[in-house]
PDB file of all heavy atoms in Angstrom:
ATOM      1  N   GLY A   1       0.764  -1.237   0.000  1.00  0.00           N
ATOM      2  CA  GLY A   1       0.000   0.000   0.000  1.00  0.00           C
ATOM      3  C   GLY A   1       0.793   1.284   0.000  1.00  0.00           C
ATOM      4  O   GLY A   1       0.198   2.370   0.051  1.00  0.00           O
ATOM      5  N   GLY A   2       2.117   1.213  -0.054  1.00  0.00           N
ATOM      6  CA  GLY A   2       2.913   2.429  -0.105  1.00  0.00           C
ATOM      7  C   GLY A   2       2.674   3.192  -1.401  1.00  0.00           C
ATOM      8  O   GLY A   2       2.422   2.589  -2.445  1.00  0.00           O
ATOM      9  N   ASP A   3       2.750   4.498  -1.319  1.00  0.00           N
ATOM     10  CA  ASP A   3       2.471   5.322  -2.494  1.00  0.00           C
ATOM     11  C   ASP A   3       3.210   6.642  -2.337  1.00  0.00           C
ATOM     12  O   ASP A   3       2.752   7.545  -1.637  1.00  0.00           O
ATOM     13  CB  ASP A   3       0.966   5.552  -2.620  1.00  0.00           C
ATOM     14  CG  ASP A   3       0.564   6.252  -3.914  1.00  0.00           C
ATOM     15  OD1 ASP A   3       1.388   7.006  -4.461  1.00  0.00           O
ATOM     16  OD2 ASP A   3      -0.580   6.045  -4.356  1.00  0.00           O
ATOM     17  N   LYS A   4       4.360   6.772  -2.984  1.00  0.00           N
ATOM     18  CA  LYS A   4       5.179   7.970  -2.829  1.00  0.00           C
ATOM     19  C   LYS A   4       4.541   9.204  -3.449  1.00  0.00           C
ATOM     20  O   LYS A   4       4.747  10.325  -2.973  1.00  0.00           O
ATOM     21  CB  LYS A   4       6.576   7.725  -3.392  1.00  0.00           C
ATOM     22  CG  LYS A   4       7.373   6.684  -2.609  1.00  0.00           C
ATOM     23  CD  LYS A   4       8.785   6.582  -3.125  1.00  0.00           C
ATOM     24  CE  LYS A   4       9.559   5.477  -2.412  1.00  0.00           C
ATOM     25  NZ  LYS A   4       9.648   5.662  -0.953  1.00  0.00           N
ATOM     26  N   VAL A   5       3.780   9.022  -4.525  1.00  0.00           N
ATOM     27  CA  VAL A   5       3.109  10.157  -5.143  1.00  0.00           C
ATOM     28  C   VAL A   5       2.036  10.710  -4.209  1.00  0.00           C
ATOM     29  O   VAL A   5       1.937  11.925  -3.990  1.00  0.00           O
ATOM     30  CB  VAL A   5       2.506   9.762  -6.504  1.00  0.00           C
ATOM     31  CG1 VAL A   5       1.652  10.887  -7.070  1.00  0.00           C
ATOM     32  CG2 VAL A   5       3.614   9.387  -7.488  1.00  0.00           C
ATOM     33  N   LYS A   6       1.245   9.818  -3.648  1.00  0.00           N
ATOM     34  CA  LYS A   6       0.217  10.264  -2.701  1.00  0.00           C
ATOM     35  C   LYS A   6       0.859  10.849  -1.449  1.00  0.00           C
ATOM     36  O   LYS A   6       0.350  11.818  -0.873  1.00  0.00           O
ATOM     37  CB  LYS A   6      -0.694   9.094  -2.328  1.00  0.00           C
ATOM     38  CG  LYS A   6      -1.861   9.509  -1.432  1.00  0.00           C
ATOM     39  CD  LYS A   6      -2.801   8.344  -1.151  1.00  0.00           C
ATOM     40  CE  LYS A   6      -3.951   8.781  -0.262  1.00  0.00           C
ATOM     41  NZ  LYS A   6      -4.876   7.644   0.046  1.00  0.00           N
ATOM     42  N   ALA A   7       1.988  10.277  -1.026  1.00  0.00           N
ATOM     43  CA  ALA A   7       2.689  10.796   0.153  1.00  0.00           C
ATOM     44  C   ALA A   7       3.088  12.246  -0.058  1.00  0.00           C
ATOM     45  O   ALA A   7       2.941  13.089   0.834  1.00  0.00           O
ATOM     46  CB  ALA A   7       3.919   9.945   0.446  1.00  0.00           C
ATOM     47  N   ARG A   8       3.598  12.552  -1.249  1.00  0.00           N
ATOM     48  CA  ARG A   8       3.991  13.936  -1.533  1.00  0.00           C
ATOM     49  C   ARG A   8       2.778  14.867  -1.480  1.00  0.00           C
ATOM     50  O   ARG A   8       2.862  15.971  -0.932  1.00  0.00           O
ATOM     51  CB  ARG A   8       4.667  14.022  -2.893  1.00  0.00           C
ATOM     52  CG  ARG A   8       5.117  15.434  -3.247  1.00  0.00           C
ATOM     53  CD  ARG A   8       5.589  15.516  -4.684  1.00  0.00           C
ATOM     54  NE  ARG A   8       5.882  16.890  -5.069  1.00  0.00           N
ATOM     55  CZ  ARG A   8       6.040  17.284  -6.316  1.00  0.00           C
ATOM     56  NH1 ARG A   8       5.938  16.414  -7.317  1.00  0.00           N
ATOM     57  NH2 ARG A   8       6.297  18.543  -6.586  1.00  0.00           N
ATOM     58  N   ALA A   9       1.658  14.434  -2.034  1.00  0.00           N
ATOM     59  CA  ALA A   9       0.458  15.269  -2.008  1.00  0.00           C
ATOM     60  C   ALA A   9       0.009  15.532  -0.572  1.00  0.00           C
ATOM     61  O   ALA A   9      -0.390  16.652  -0.221  1.00  0.00           O
ATOM     62  CB  ALA A   9      -0.658  14.603  -2.811  1.00  0.00           C
ATOM     63  N   LEU A  10       0.083  14.508   0.272  1.00  0.00           N
ATOM     64  CA  LEU A  10      -0.326  14.675   1.665  1.00  0.00           C
ATOM     65  C   LEU A  10       0.608  15.606   2.425  1.00  0.00           C
ATOM     66  O   LEU A  10       0.160  16.451   3.212  1.00  0.00           O
ATOM     67  CB  LEU A  10      -0.385  13.313   2.361  1.00  0.00           C
ATOM     68  CG  LEU A  10      -1.568  12.415   2.020  1.00  0.00           C
ATOM     69  CD1 LEU A  10      -1.404  11.044   2.678  1.00  0.00           C
ATOM     70  CD2 LEU A  10      -2.879  13.053   2.475  1.00  0.00           C
ATOM     71  N   VAL A  11       1.907  15.439   2.210  1.00  0.00           N
ATOM     72  CA  VAL A  11       2.842  16.290   2.951  1.00  0.00           C
ATOM     73  C   VAL A  11       2.756  17.735   2.456  1.00  0.00           C
ATOM     74  O   VAL A  11       2.921  18.681   3.238  1.00  0.00           O
ATOM     75  CB  VAL A  11       4.280  15.730   2.875  1.00  0.00           C
ATOM     76  CG1 VAL A  11       5.005  16.135   1.603  1.00  0.00           C
ATOM     77  CG2 VAL A  11       5.089  16.169   4.090  1.00  0.00           C
ATOM     78  N   LYS A  12       2.441  17.917   1.176  1.00  0.00           N
ATOM     79  CA  LYS A  12       2.206  19.273   0.675  1.00  0.00           C
ATOM     80  C   LYS A  12       0.989  19.883   1.363  1.00  0.00           C
ATOM     81  O   LYS A  12       0.991  21.055   1.754  1.00  0.00           O
ATOM     82  CB  LYS A  12       2.004  19.260  -0.836  1.00  0.00           C
ATOM     83  CG  LYS A  12       1.864  20.643  -1.463  1.00  0.00           C
ATOM     84  CD  LYS A  12       1.803  20.544  -2.975  1.00  0.00           C
ATOM     85  CE  LYS A  12       1.817  21.936  -3.622  1.00  0.00           C
ATOM     86  NZ  LYS A  12       0.635  22.733  -3.274  1.00  0.00           N
ATOM     87  N   SER A  13      -0.067  19.086   1.534  1.00  0.00           N
ATOM     88  CA  SER A  13      -1.251  19.561   2.255  1.00  0.00           C
ATOM     89  C   SER A  13      -0.901  19.916   3.696  1.00  0.00           C
ATOM     90  O   SER A  13      -1.431  20.887   4.253  1.00  0.00           O
ATOM     91  CB  SER A  13      -2.349  18.501   2.225  1.00  0.00           C
ATOM     92  OG  SER A  13      -2.831  18.296   0.913  1.00  0.00           O
ATOM     93  N   ALA A  14       0.006  19.126   4.308  1.00  0.00           N
ATOM     94  CA  ALA A  14       0.427  19.427   5.679  1.00  0.00           C
ATOM     95  C   ALA A  14       1.091  20.793   5.750  1.00  0.00           C
ATOM     96  O   ALA A  14       0.807  21.589   6.655  1.00  0.00           O
ATOM     97  CB  ALA A  14       1.373  18.347   6.187  1.00  0.00           C
ATOM     98  N   THR A  15       1.981  21.101   4.794  1.00  0.00           N
ATOM     99  CA  THR A  15       2.635  22.419   4.815  1.00  0.00           C
ATOM    100  C   THR A  15       1.615  23.538   4.641  1.00  0.00           C
ATOM    101  O   THR A  15       1.736  24.602   5.268  1.00  0.00           O
ATOM    102  CB  THR A  15       3.706  22.524   3.715  1.00  0.00           C
ATOM    103  OG1 THR A  15       3.102  22.423   2.419  1.00  0.00           O
ATOM    104  CG2 THR A  15       4.758  21.437   3.868  1.00  0.00           C
ATOM    105  N   GLU A  16       0.617  23.297   3.823  1.00  0.00           N
ATOM    106  CA  GLU A  16      -0.412  24.317   3.598  1.00  0.00           C
ATOM    107  C   GLU A  16      -1.237  24.541   4.858  1.00  0.00           C
ATOM    108  O   GLU A  16      -1.593  25.686   5.196  1.00  0.00           O
ATOM    109  CB  GLU A  16      -1.300  23.898   2.428  1.00  0.00           C
ATOM    110  CG  GLU A  16      -0.568  23.908   1.086  1.00  0.00           C
ATOM    111  CD  GLU A  16      -1.342  23.212  -0.019  1.00  0.00           C
ATOM    112  OE1 GLU A  16      -2.367  22.558   0.308  1.00  0.00           O
ATOM    113  OE2 GLU A  16      -0.939  23.308  -1.183  1.00  0.00           O
ATOM    114  N   GLU A  17      -1.561  23.464   5.555  1.00  0.00           N
ATOM    115  CA  GLU A  17      -2.347  23.607   6.781  1.00  0.00           C
ATOM    116  C   GLU A  17      -1.530  24.260   7.886  1.00  0.00           C
ATOM    117  O   GLU A  17      -2.054  25.062   8.662  1.00  0.00           O
ATOM    118  CB  GLU A  17      -2.862  22.233   7.233  1.00  0.00           C
ATOM    119  CG  GLU A  17      -3.878  21.610   6.298  1.00  0.00           C
ATOM    120  CD  GLU A  17      -5.142  22.441   6.149  1.00  0.00           C
ATOM    121  OE1 GLU A  17      -5.485  23.178   7.098  1.00  0.00           O
ATOM    122  OE2 GLU A  17      -5.780  22.376   5.086  1.00  0.00           O
ATOM    123  N   PHE A  18      -0.234  23.914   7.986  1.00  0.00           N
ATOM    124  CA  PHE A  18       0.614  24.615   8.949  1.00  0.00           C
ATOM    125  C   PHE A  18       0.642  26.107   8.629  1.00  0.00           C
ATOM    126  O   PHE A  18       0.552  26.954   9.517  1.00  0.00           O
ATOM    127  CB  PHE A  18       2.043  24.068   8.896  1.00  0.00           C
ATOM    128  CG  PHE A  18       2.280  22.856   9.765  1.00  0.00           C
ATOM    129  CD1 PHE A  18       2.712  21.659   9.208  1.00  0.00           C
ATOM    130  CD2 PHE A  18       2.109  22.921  11.136  1.00  0.00           C
ATOM    131  CE1 PHE A  18       2.961  20.554  10.005  1.00  0.00           C
ATOM    132  CE2 PHE A  18       2.358  21.819  11.949  1.00  0.00           C
ATOM    133  CZ  PHE A  18       2.787  20.631  11.373  1.00  0.00           C
ATOM    134  N   ALA A  19       0.784  26.439   7.335  1.00  0.00           N
ATOM    135  CA  ALA A  19       0.925  27.834   6.927  1.00  0.00           C
ATOM    136  C   ALA A  19      -0.309  28.666   7.241  1.00  0.00           C
ATOM    137  O   ALA A  19      -0.191  29.845   7.586  1.00  0.00           O
ATOM    138  CB  ALA A  19       1.235  27.905   5.429  1.00  0.00           C
ATOM    139  N   ARG A  20      -1.472  28.065   7.147  1.00  0.00           N
ATOM    140  CA  ARG A  20      -2.685  28.838   7.408  1.00  0.00           C
ATOM    141  C   ARG A  20      -3.089  28.818   8.883  1.00  0.00           C
ATOM    142  O   ARG A  20      -4.123  29.367   9.251  1.00  0.00           O
ATOM    143  CB  ARG A  20      -3.838  28.348   6.537  1.00  0.00           C
ATOM    144  CG  ARG A  20      -4.367  26.953   6.842  1.00  0.00           C
ATOM    145  CD  ARG A  20      -5.686  26.693   6.100  1.00  0.00           C
ATOM    146  NE  ARG A  20      -5.579  26.942   4.681  1.00  0.00           N
ATOM    147  CZ  ARG A  20      -5.504  25.982   3.755  1.00  0.00           C
ATOM    148  NH1 ARG A  20      -5.508  24.703   4.113  1.00  0.00           N
ATOM    149  NH2 ARG A  20      -5.433  26.286   2.486  1.00  0.00           N
ATOM    150  N   GLY A  21      -2.259  28.177   9.723  1.00  0.00           N
ATOM    151  CA  GLY A  21      -2.563  28.157  11.148  1.00  0.00           C
ATOM    152  C   GLY A  21      -3.809  27.365  11.450  1.00  0.00           C
ATOM    153  O   GLY A  21      -4.700  27.834  12.156  1.00  0.00           O
ATOM    154  N   ASN A  22      -3.862  26.167  10.922  1.00  0.00           N
ATOM    155  CA  ASN A  22      -5.053  25.325  11.062  1.00  0.00           C
ATOM    156  C   ASN A  22      -5.502  25.231  12.517  1.00  0.00           C
ATOM    157  O   ASN A  22      -4.727  24.832  13.386  1.00  0.00           O
ATOM    158  CB  ASN A  22      -4.744  23.923  10.522  1.00  0.00           C
ATOM    159  CG  ASN A  22      -5.973  23.051  10.424  1.00  0.00           C
ATOM    160  OD1 ASN A  22      -6.749  22.950  11.359  1.00  0.00           O
ATOM    161  ND2 ASN A  22      -6.152  22.419   9.284  1.00  0.00           N
ATOM    162  N   PRO A  23      -6.740  25.609  12.811  1.00  0.00           N
ATOM    163  CA  PRO A  23      -7.211  25.578  14.198  1.00  0.00           C
ATOM    164  C   PRO A  23      -7.355  24.174  14.761  1.00  0.00           C
ATOM    165  O   PRO A  23      -7.560  24.005  15.960  1.00  0.00           O
ATOM    166  CB  PRO A  23      -8.578  26.280  14.120  1.00  0.00           C
ATOM    167  CG  PRO A  23      -9.024  26.080  12.711  1.00  0.00           C
ATOM    168  CD  PRO A  23      -7.770  26.111  11.877  1.00  0.00           C
ATOM    169  N   ALA A  24      -7.254  23.157  13.893  1.00  0.00           N
ATOM    170  CA  ALA A  24      -7.341  21.782  14.388  1.00  0.00           C
ATOM    171  C   ALA A  24      -6.107  21.388  15.184  1.00  0.00           C
ATOM    172  O   ALA A  24      -6.120  20.414  15.930  1.00  0.00           O
ATOM    173  CB  ALA A  24      -7.525  20.808  13.212  1.00  0.00           C
ATOM    174  N   VAL A  25      -5.009  22.140  15.032  1.00  0.00           N
ATOM    175  CA  VAL A  25      -3.784  21.823  15.762  1.00  0.00           C
ATOM    176  C   VAL A  25      -3.935  22.279  17.201  1.00  0.00           C
ATOM    177  O   VAL A  25      -4.350  23.401  17.466  1.00  0.00           O
ATOM    178  CB  VAL A  25      -2.564  22.519  15.123  1.00  0.00           C
ATOM    179  CG1 VAL A  25      -1.295  22.188  15.888  1.00  0.00           C
ATOM    180  CG2 VAL A  25      -2.436  22.119  13.669  1.00  0.00           C
ATOM    181  N   ALA A  26      -3.570  21.408  18.120  1.00  0.00           N
ATOM    182  CA  ALA A  26      -3.665  21.756  19.535  1.00  0.00           C
ATOM    183  C   ALA A  26      -2.802  22.973  19.827  1.00  0.00           C
ATOM    184  O   ALA A  26      -1.653  23.051  19.398  1.00  0.00           O
ATOM    185  CB  ALA A  26      -3.220  20.571  20.392  1.00  0.00           C
ATOM    186  N   GLY A  27      -3.360  23.922  20.550  1.00  0.00           N
ATOM    187  CA  GLY A  27      -2.677  25.183  20.805  1.00  0.00           C
ATOM    188  C   GLY A  27      -1.312  25.004  21.443  1.00  0.00           C
ATOM    189  O   GLY A  27      -1.153  24.274  22.409  1.00  0.00           O
ATOM    190  N   GLY A  28      -0.313  25.660  20.866  1.00  0.00           N
ATOM    191  CA  GLY A  28       1.026  25.643  21.434  1.00  0.00           C
ATOM    192  C   GLY A  28       1.865  24.445  21.058  1.00  0.00           C
ATOM    193  O   GLY A  28       3.042  24.408  21.353  1.00  0.00           O
ATOM    194  N   ARG A  29       1.263  23.466  20.403  1.00  0.00           N
ATOM    195  CA  ARG A  29       2.029  22.262  20.080  1.00  0.00           C
ATOM    196  C   ARG A  29       2.585  22.406  18.664  1.00  0.00           C
ATOM    197  O   ARG A  29       2.052  21.870  17.720  1.00  0.00           O
ATOM    198  CB  ARG A  29       1.150  21.029  20.233  1.00  0.00           C
ATOM    199  CG  ARG A  29       0.812  20.803  21.701  1.00  0.00           C
ATOM    200  CD  ARG A  29      -0.089  19.610  21.932  1.00  0.00           C
ATOM    201  NE  ARG A  29      -0.060  19.245  23.332  1.00  0.00           N
ATOM    202  CZ  ARG A  29      -0.761  19.850  24.281  1.00  0.00           C
ATOM    203  NH1 ARG A  29      -1.550  20.837  23.973  1.00  0.00           N
ATOM    204  NH2 ARG A  29      -0.667  19.464  25.538  1.00  0.00           N
ATOM    205  N   GLY A  30       3.704  23.157  18.562  1.00  0.00           N
ATOM    206  CA  GLY A  30       4.188  23.565  17.258  1.00  0.00           C
ATOM    207  C   GLY A  30       5.259  22.694  16.647  1.00  0.00           C
ATOM    208  O   GLY A  30       6.184  23.212  16.041  1.00  0.00           O
ATOM    209  N   TRP A  31       5.205  21.406  16.838  1.00  0.00           N
ATOM    210  CA  TRP A  31       6.230  20.569  16.211  1.00  0.00           C
ATOM    211  C   TRP A  31       5.758  20.093  14.838  1.00  0.00           C
ATOM    212  O   TRP A  31       4.565  19.981  14.585  1.00  0.00           O
ATOM    213  CB  TRP A  31       6.567  19.360  17.104  1.00  0.00           C
ATOM    214  CG  TRP A  31       5.500  18.300  17.208  1.00  0.00           C
ATOM    215  CD1 TRP A  31       4.487  18.249  18.135  1.00  0.00           C
ATOM    216  CD2 TRP A  31       5.352  17.146  16.384  1.00  0.00           C
ATOM    217  NE1 TRP A  31       3.714  17.141  17.926  1.00  0.00           N
ATOM    218  CE2 TRP A  31       4.222  16.435  16.855  1.00  0.00           C
ATOM    219  CE3 TRP A  31       6.050  16.637  15.284  1.00  0.00           C
ATOM    220  CZ2 TRP A  31       3.789  15.250  16.266  1.00  0.00           C
ATOM    221  CZ3 TRP A  31       5.616  15.448  14.703  1.00  0.00           C
ATOM    222  CH2 TRP A  31       4.496  14.777  15.208  1.00  0.00           C
ATOM    223  N   GLY A  32       6.718  19.853  13.968  1.00  0.00           N
ATOM    224  CA  GLY A  32       6.402  19.187  12.705  1.00  0.00           C
ATOM    225  C   GLY A  32       6.422  20.051  11.467  1.00  0.00           C
ATOM    226  O   GLY A  32       6.534  19.521  10.364  1.00  0.00           O
ATOM    227  N   GLU A  33       6.355  21.386  11.609  1.00  0.00           N
ATOM    228  CA  GLU A  33       6.239  22.212  10.413  1.00  0.00           C
ATOM    229  C   GLU A  33       7.518  22.184   9.583  1.00  0.00           C
ATOM    230  O   GLU A  33       7.480  21.996   8.361  1.00  0.00           O
ATOM    231  CB  GLU A  33       5.883  23.653  10.775  1.00  0.00           C
ATOM    232  CG  GLU A  33       5.640  24.516   9.552  1.00  0.00           C
ATOM    233  CD  GLU A  33       5.147  25.911   9.891  1.00  0.00           C
ATOM    234  OE1 GLU A  33       5.220  26.307  11.071  1.00  0.00           O
ATOM    235  OE2 GLU A  33       4.684  26.607   8.969  1.00  0.00           O
ATOM    236  N   GLY A  34       8.653  22.383  10.236  1.00  0.00           N
ATOM    237  CA  GLY A  34       9.911  22.334   9.499  1.00  0.00           C
ATOM    238  C   GLY A  34      10.153  20.981   8.865  1.00  0.00           C
ATOM    239  O   GLY A  34      10.648  20.878   7.730  1.00  0.00           O
ATOM    240  N   GLU A  35       9.788  19.920   9.581  1.00  0.00           N
ATOM    241  CA  GLU A  35       9.938  18.568   9.039  1.00  0.00           C
ATOM    242  C   GLU A  35       9.058  18.353   7.815  1.00  0.00           C
ATOM    243  O   GLU A  35       9.468  17.713   6.843  1.00  0.00           O
ATOM    244  CB  GLU A  35       9.595  17.536  10.116  1.00  0.00           C
ATOM    245  CG  GLU A  35      10.611  17.484  11.234  1.00  0.00           C
ATOM    246  CD  GLU A  35       9.994  17.645  12.604  1.00  0.00           C
ATOM    247  OE1 GLU A  35       9.265  18.639  12.804  1.00  0.00           O
ATOM    248  OE2 GLU A  35      10.244  16.813  13.466  1.00  0.00           O
ATOM    249  N   ALA A  36       7.845  18.901   7.864  1.00  0.00           N
ATOM    250  CA  ALA A  36       6.944  18.752   6.720  1.00  0.00           C
ATOM    251  C   ALA A  36       7.550  19.393   5.476  1.00  0.00           C
ATOM    252  O   ALA A  36       7.523  18.818   4.376  1.00  0.00           O
ATOM    253  CB  ALA A  36       5.585  19.366   7.034  1.00  0.00           C
ATOM    254  N   TRP A  37       8.130  20.582   5.633  1.00  0.00           N
ATOM    255  CA  TRP A  37       8.760  21.245   4.488  1.00  0.00           C
ATOM    256  C   TRP A  37       9.979  20.466   4.001  1.00  0.00           C
ATOM    257  O   TRP A  37      10.229  20.368   2.800  1.00  0.00           O
ATOM    258  CB  TRP A  37       9.146  22.675   4.860  1.00  0.00           C
ATOM    259  CG  TRP A  37       7.994  23.623   4.826  1.00  0.00           C
ATOM    260  CD1 TRP A  37       7.352  24.183   5.894  1.00  0.00           C
ATOM    261  CD2 TRP A  37       7.329  24.128   3.665  1.00  0.00           C
ATOM    262  NE1 TRP A  37       6.329  24.994   5.470  1.00  0.00           N
ATOM    263  CE2 TRP A  37       6.290  24.985   4.108  1.00  0.00           C
ATOM    264  CE3 TRP A  37       7.492  23.931   2.291  1.00  0.00           C
ATOM    265  CZ2 TRP A  37       5.436  25.654   3.225  1.00  0.00           C
ATOM    266  CZ3 TRP A  37       6.648  24.598   1.411  1.00  0.00           C
ATOM    267  CH2 TRP A  37       5.634  25.445   1.885  1.00  0.00           C
ATOM    268  N   TYR A  38      10.745  19.915   4.947  1.00  0.00           N
ATOM    269  CA  TYR A  38      11.900  19.107   4.543  1.00  0.00           C
ATOM    270  C   TYR A  38      11.463  17.916   3.694  1.00  0.00           C
ATOM    271  O   TYR A  38      12.012  17.632   2.629  1.00  0.00           O
ATOM    272  CB  TYR A  38      12.694  18.612   5.763  1.00  0.00           C
ATOM    273  CG  TYR A  38      13.583  17.452   5.403  1.00  0.00           C
ATOM    274  CD1 TYR A  38      14.733  17.652   4.646  1.00  0.00           C
ATOM    275  CD2 TYR A  38      13.238  16.150   5.754  1.00  0.00           C
ATOM    276  CE1 TYR A  38      15.521  16.587   4.263  1.00  0.00           C
ATOM    277  CE2 TYR A  38      14.021  15.092   5.372  1.00  0.00           C
ATOM    278  CZ  TYR A  38      15.165  15.304   4.634  1.00  0.00           C
ATOM    279  OH  TYR A  38      15.937  14.248   4.246  1.00  0.00           O
ATOM    280  N   TRP A  39      10.454  17.187   4.165  1.00  0.00           N
ATOM    281  CA  TRP A  39      10.021  15.996   3.434  1.00  0.00           C
ATOM    282  C   TRP A  39       9.380  16.359   2.104  1.00  0.00           C
ATOM    283  O   TRP A  39       9.501  15.606   1.129  1.00  0.00           O
ATOM    284  CB  TRP A  39       9.086  15.149   4.303  1.00  0.00           C
ATOM    285  CG  TRP A  39       9.852  14.412   5.350  1.00  0.00           C
ATOM    286  CD1 TRP A  39       9.890  14.670   6.683  1.00  0.00           C
ATOM    287  CD2 TRP A  39      10.749  13.323   5.121  1.00  0.00           C
ATOM    288  NE1 TRP A  39      10.747  13.812   7.306  1.00  0.00           N
ATOM    289  CE2 TRP A  39      11.282  12.969   6.380  1.00  0.00           C
ATOM    290  CE3 TRP A  39      11.144  12.617   3.993  1.00  0.00           C
ATOM    291  CZ2 TRP A  39      12.205  11.931   6.528  1.00  0.00           C
ATOM    292  CZ3 TRP A  39      12.058  11.582   4.135  1.00  0.00           C
ATOM    293  CH2 TRP A  39      12.580  11.243   5.394  1.00  0.00           C
ATOM    294  N   LEU A  40       8.722  17.508   2.034  1.00  0.00           N
ATOM    295  CA  LEU A  40       8.209  17.950   0.744  1.00  0.00           C
ATOM    296  C   LEU A  40       9.366  18.210  -0.221  1.00  0.00           C
ATOM    297  O   LEU A  40       9.296  17.845  -1.408  1.00  0.00           O
ATOM    298  CB  LEU A  40       7.365  19.214   0.907  1.00  0.00           C
ATOM    299  CG  LEU A  40       6.783  19.792  -0.394  1.00  0.00           C
ATOM    300  CD1 LEU A  40       5.900  18.764  -1.116  1.00  0.00           C
ATOM    301  CD2 LEU A  40       6.002  21.075  -0.116  1.00  0.00           C
ATOM    302  N   ALA A  41      10.445  18.810   0.282  1.00  0.00           N
ATOM    303  CA  ALA A  41      11.628  19.039  -0.566  1.00  0.00           C
ATOM    304  C   ALA A  41      12.216  17.718  -1.048  1.00  0.00           C
ATOM    305  O   ALA A  41      12.502  17.548  -2.241  1.00  0.00           O
ATOM    306  CB  ALA A  41      12.678  19.837   0.207  1.00  0.00           C
ATOM    307  N   ARG A  42      12.368  16.803  -0.142  1.00  0.00           N
ATOM    308  CA  ARG A  42      12.972  15.517  -0.506  1.00  0.00           C
ATOM    309  C   ARG A  42      12.101  14.759  -1.507  1.00  0.00           C
ATOM    310  O   ARG A  42      12.598  14.255  -2.516  1.00  0.00           O
ATOM    311  CB  ARG A  42      13.185  14.682   0.750  1.00  0.00           C
ATOM    312  CG  ARG A  42      13.746  13.309   0.480  1.00  0.00           C
ATOM    313  CD  ARG A  42      14.262  12.676   1.737  1.00  0.00           C
ATOM    314  NE  ARG A  42      14.613  11.285   1.530  1.00  0.00           N
ATOM    315  CZ  ARG A  42      15.258  10.543   2.416  1.00  0.00           C
ATOM    316  NH1 ARG A  42      15.653  11.083   3.557  1.00  0.00           N
ATOM    317  NH2 ARG A  42      15.542   9.274   2.182  1.00  0.00           N
TER     318      ARG A  42
END
């Protein structure tokens, strides 16, 4: 079930949600944004 193309689309969505300050993220728990951009680059 691995899918690198779909993985890229999902991680791109993650960067977009981080960028817009998605209210679904628990307040103050700011880990993962830099990693999301790194994996999108890779």
